[in-house]
Protein backbone atom coordinates (compact mmCIF):
# COMPACT_ATOMS: atom_id res chain seq x y z
CA UNK A 1 138.89 127.97 157.06
CA UNK A 2 138.12 125.51 159.81
CA UNK A 3 139.56 122.01 159.50
CA UNK A 4 137.10 119.22 158.90
CA UNK A 5 136.87 116.77 161.76
CA UNK A 6 135.88 113.18 161.37
CA UNK A 7 133.95 111.43 164.10
CA UNK A 8 135.34 108.01 165.02
CA UNK A 9 134.56 105.19 167.35
CA UNK A 10 137.66 104.67 169.49
CA UNK A 11 138.59 101.71 171.68
CA UNK A 12 141.69 100.09 173.08
CA UNK A 13 143.31 97.37 171.03
CA UNK A 14 143.97 95.26 174.13
CA UNK A 15 141.50 94.18 176.80
CA UNK A 16 141.91 95.63 180.30
CA UNK A 17 143.37 98.83 178.82
CA UNK A 18 140.53 101.26 179.56
CA UNK A 19 141.11 103.20 182.79
CA UNK A 20 138.82 105.54 184.68
CA UNK A 21 140.65 107.85 187.09
CA UNK A 22 138.50 109.96 189.43
CA UNK A 23 139.98 112.82 191.44
CA UNK A 24 138.22 113.35 194.78
CA UNK A 25 138.97 116.26 197.12
CA UNK A 26 138.09 116.87 200.75
CA UNK A 27 139.22 119.08 203.63
CA UNK A 28 140.41 117.51 206.87
CA UNK A 29 139.45 118.80 210.34
CA UNK A 30 142.95 120.37 210.50
CA UNK A 31 142.06 122.47 207.45
CA UNK A 32 144.47 120.57 205.20
CA UNK A 33 143.14 119.61 201.77
CA UNK A 34 143.42 116.01 200.59
CA UNK A 35 143.35 114.61 197.04
CA UNK A 36 142.55 110.98 196.34
CA UNK A 37 142.69 109.25 192.96
CA UNK A 38 140.31 106.31 192.51
CA UNK A 39 141.34 104.10 189.60
CA UNK A 40 139.20 101.47 187.94
CA UNK A 41 140.24 99.27 185.02
CA UNK A 42 137.62 98.07 182.55
CA UNK A 43 137.93 95.09 180.24
CA UNK A 44 136.62 97.15 177.30
CA UNK A 45 135.27 100.60 176.53
CA UNK A 46 133.92 102.31 173.41
CA UNK A 47 133.80 106.06 172.86
CA UNK A 48 133.26 108.51 170.02
CA UNK A 49 135.97 111.06 169.31
CA UNK A 50 136.25 113.97 166.89
CA UNK A 51 139.64 114.38 165.19
CA UNK A 52 141.32 116.24 162.35
CA UNK A 53 143.51 114.14 160.08
CA UNK A 54 146.63 115.41 161.89
CA UNK A 55 145.17 114.59 165.33
CA UNK A 56 144.19 111.11 164.09
CA UNK A 57 147.71 110.38 162.84
CA UNK A 58 149.27 111.59 166.13
CA UNK A 59 146.79 109.68 168.28
CA UNK A 60 147.45 106.38 166.49
CA UNK A 61 151.16 106.66 167.38
CA UNK A 62 150.48 107.02 171.12
CA UNK A 63 150.90 104.23 173.64
CA UNK A 64 148.47 106.00 176.00
CA UNK A 65 145.57 108.27 175.05
CA UNK A 66 143.95 110.67 177.52
CA UNK A 67 140.48 111.25 176.13
CA UNK A 68 140.25 114.52 178.12
CA UNK A 69 142.51 116.04 175.46
CA UNK A 70 139.85 115.53 172.76
CA UNK A 71 136.16 116.03 172.07
CA UNK A 72 134.79 112.63 173.10
CA UNK A 73 131.68 110.87 174.34
CA UNK A 74 131.19 107.59 176.17
CA UNK A 75 129.33 104.85 174.31
CA UNK A 76 129.87 102.13 176.91
CA UNK A 77 132.40 100.60 179.29
CA UNK A 78 131.98 97.15 180.71
CA UNK A 79 133.44 94.65 183.12
CA UNK A 80 134.88 97.23 185.50
CA UNK A 81 136.83 96.21 188.56
CA UNK A 82 139.34 94.07 186.67
CA UNK A 83 141.80 96.07 188.73
CA UNK A 84 140.94 98.79 191.24
CA UNK A 85 143.06 100.93 193.54
CA UNK A 86 142.97 104.16 195.53
CA UNK A 87 145.94 106.52 195.79
CA UNK A 88 146.10 109.15 198.52
CA UNK A 89 148.27 111.85 196.98
CA UNK A 90 151.26 112.80 199.15
CA UNK A 91 150.02 110.42 201.85
CA UNK A 92 153.32 110.55 203.74
CA UNK A 93 152.97 114.33 204.19
CA UNK A 94 150.01 113.83 206.55
CA UNK A 95 150.29 113.18 210.29
CA UNK A 96 149.21 109.81 211.66
CA UNK A 97 145.98 111.38 212.92
CA UNK A 98 145.28 112.95 209.52
CA UNK A 99 145.94 109.63 207.77
CA UNK A 100 143.44 107.96 210.12
CA UNK A 101 140.88 110.68 209.36
CA UNK A 102 141.45 110.21 205.62
CA UNK A 103 140.86 106.46 205.94
CA UNK A 104 137.68 107.07 207.95
CA UNK A 105 136.44 109.51 205.31
CA UNK A 106 137.20 106.94 202.61
CA UNK A 107 135.88 103.75 204.17
CA UNK A 108 133.42 104.48 206.99
CA UNK A 109 129.92 105.97 206.80
CA UNK A 110 129.88 109.40 208.44
CA UNK A 111 126.12 109.58 209.01
CA UNK A 112 123.25 107.14 208.83
CA UNK A 113 123.99 104.06 206.78
CA UNK A 114 121.53 103.67 203.90
CA UNK A 115 119.20 100.67 204.37
CA UNK A 116 120.54 98.96 201.26
CA UNK A 117 124.14 99.05 202.59
CA UNK A 118 125.86 96.55 204.90
CA UNK A 119 126.75 98.33 208.17
CA UNK A 120 129.99 96.35 208.40
CA UNK A 121 131.12 97.19 204.86
CA UNK A 122 134.34 99.17 205.06
CA UNK A 123 135.08 99.16 201.33
CA UNK A 124 135.00 101.97 198.81
CA UNK A 125 131.69 103.28 197.52
CA UNK A 126 130.75 106.37 195.53
CA UNK A 127 127.83 107.03 197.88
CA UNK A 128 130.05 106.83 200.95
CA UNK A 129 132.49 109.32 199.41
CA UNK A 130 129.70 111.80 198.75
CA UNK A 131 128.16 111.37 202.20
CA UNK A 132 131.57 111.95 203.80
CA UNK A 133 132.06 115.28 202.07
CA UNK A 134 134.28 114.23 199.15
CA UNK A 135 133.76 116.16 195.94
CA UNK A 136 134.55 114.56 192.62
CA UNK A 137 136.79 117.16 191.08
CA UNK A 138 137.64 115.51 187.78
CA UNK A 139 137.34 112.24 185.92
CA UNK A 140 139.81 111.07 183.29
CA UNK A 141 139.52 108.24 180.82
CA UNK A 142 142.80 106.79 179.67
CA UNK A 143 143.15 104.19 176.96
CA UNK A 144 146.10 102.07 175.89
CA UNK A 145 146.95 101.79 172.20
CA UNK A 146 143.77 102.42 170.22
CA UNK A 147 141.98 101.64 167.03
CA UNK A 148 139.65 104.03 165.24
CA UNK A 149 136.61 103.30 163.09
CA UNK A 150 135.13 106.21 161.08
CA UNK A 151 131.72 107.25 162.36
CA UNK A 152 130.77 110.31 160.28
CA UNK A 153 132.15 113.67 159.09
CA UNK A 154 131.44 116.81 161.14
CA UNK A 155 131.58 120.15 159.34
């Protein structure tokens, strides 16, 4: 007999505790792969999640919840950019030339700059990553301590 799952609305108890972590991959001209994690903190985020009673009890004890581990759906996230950073994984393992190439692939337009973009903008953008050959490999949502509100029962 399959366990009954209850659908909940889940959100962090504390503001600025909803994280989006995107994994981007690319291949350098040397043939070496590179992985970059782009992290964005949101003030708040609401999701739905499906849990058994045992999963619910375990989840409520956690200090950090990775929503990837559960059936979940985004309702909304807002006020992103409260904190934002980019991590180049194993950055020190790359040569100086490779590190320069990584930075160019992250922050400079490879081809024509779209008309709506500032040609001098050397900041991060999703569009720039895609144009420069980055592939979003995975996206994780991580919440701090959470609260659950029952949504409905799923049979």
